[in-house]
Amino acid sequence: MVASFADGDENAVIFSAITGQSHLVDSAVIDFLDVLPSNVFMSEQAILDACGEDTKDEQKVLLTHYITDIINNLLAHEIISCSE
């Protein structure tokens, strides 16, 4: 995952090798994602729980949107399937 920031911007454009697409994500979320081990699967709830008490609700919402975006892209590329 590669993040690039514009000067003075609180958002980052992330290129995800997993999805092959760029995503606009709040820089505070990037700071949190950088500490996650890339080879460990964590459920969305586990990631949100790991955010800590000082994480703002807006950051959790942005993180949820980012995770959802990745999942939707993986589904669209048929890398993963959805069991109903």
Protein backbone atom coordinates (compact mmCIF):
# COMPACT_ATOMS: atom_id res chain seq x y z
CA MET A 1 0.00 0.00 0.00
CA VAL A 2 1.45 3.35 -1.01
CA ALA A 3 0.14 6.63 0.39
CA SER A 4 0.81 10.06 -1.04
CA PHE A 5 -0.14 13.34 0.64
CA ALA A 6 -0.62 16.78 -0.89
CA ASP A 7 0.94 19.63 1.11
CA GLY A 8 -1.45 20.71 3.85
CA ASP A 9 -4.02 18.09 2.89
CA GLU A 10 -5.55 15.86 5.53
CA ASN A 11 -6.40 13.22 2.95
CA ALA A 12 -4.13 10.77 1.21
CA VAL A 13 -4.47 8.99 -2.09
CA ILE A 14 -3.66 5.35 -1.46
CA PHE A 15 -2.79 2.88 -4.16
CA SER A 16 -3.64 -0.62 -3.03
CA ALA A 17 -1.87 -3.47 -4.76
CA ILE A 18 -4.70 -5.70 -3.58
CA THR A 19 -7.43 -3.79 -5.39
CA GLY A 20 -5.24 -2.26 -8.09
CA GLN A 21 -6.98 1.06 -7.50
CA SER A 22 -6.41 4.34 -5.72
CA HIS A 23 -8.49 5.32 -2.71
CA LEU A 24 -8.89 8.69 -1.00
CA VAL A 25 -8.46 8.14 2.73
CA ASP A 26 -8.06 10.38 5.76
CA SER A 27 -4.42 10.66 6.78
CA ALA A 28 -5.25 9.66 10.37
CA VAL A 29 -6.52 6.35 9.04
CA ILE A 30 -3.24 5.87 7.15
CA ASP A 31 -1.30 6.38 10.36
CA PHE A 32 -3.35 3.61 11.97
CA LEU A 33 -3.17 1.22 9.00
CA ASP A 34 0.62 1.54 8.88
CA VAL A 35 0.90 -0.19 12.25
CA LEU A 36 -1.16 -3.20 11.17
CA PRO A 37 0.83 -6.30 10.15
CA SER A 38 0.16 -6.84 6.45
CA ASN A 39 0.17 -10.63 6.71
CA VAL A 40 -2.45 -10.91 9.46
CA PHE A 41 -6.17 -11.05 8.69
CA MET A 42 -8.29 -8.91 10.98
CA SER A 43 -12.04 -8.56 10.82
CA GLU A 44 -13.44 -5.07 10.37
CA GLN A 45 -14.68 -5.07 13.97
CA ALA A 46 -11.27 -6.18 15.25
CA ILE A 47 -9.61 -3.31 13.40
CA LEU A 48 -12.11 -0.82 14.80
CA ASP A 49 -11.62 -2.25 18.29
CA ALA A 50 -7.85 -1.86 17.89
CA CYS A 51 -8.22 1.83 17.08
CA GLY A 52 -8.24 2.73 20.76
CA GLU A 53 -10.28 5.14 22.81
CA ASP A 54 -8.62 8.26 21.37
CA THR A 55 -9.77 7.47 17.83
CA LYS A 56 -12.47 9.84 16.66
CA ASP A 57 -15.78 8.53 15.36
CA GLU A 58 -15.10 10.18 11.99
CA GLN A 59 -11.86 8.21 11.70
CA LYS A 60 -13.69 4.97 12.43
CA VAL A 61 -16.30 5.82 9.78
CA LEU A 62 -13.57 6.55 7.22
CA LEU A 63 -11.80 3.32 8.10
CA THR A 64 -15.07 1.40 7.70
CA HIS A 65 -15.61 3.01 4.28
CA TYR A 66 -12.06 2.11 3.25
CA ILE A 67 -12.47 -1.52 4.32
CA THR A 68 -15.83 -1.72 2.53
CA ASP A 69 -14.25 -0.22 -0.60
CA ILE A 70 -11.52 -2.87 -0.60
CA ILE A 71 -14.04 -5.67 -0.10
CA ASN A 72 -16.25 -4.38 -2.91
CA ASN A 73 -13.26 -4.17 -5.24
CA LEU A 74 -12.18 -7.70 -4.37
CA LEU A 75 -15.70 -8.93 -5.05
CA ALA A 76 -15.84 -7.03 -8.35
CA HIS A 77 -12.55 -8.59 -9.49
CA GLU A 78 -13.78 -12.01 -8.32
CA ILE A 79 -10.73 -12.37 -6.08
CA ILE A 80 -13.07 -13.26 -3.25
CA SER A 81 -16.64 -14.50 -3.27
CA CYS A 82 -19.58 -13.59 -1.11
CA SER A 83 -21.47 -16.39 0.60
CA GLU A 84 -25.08 -15.56 1.32
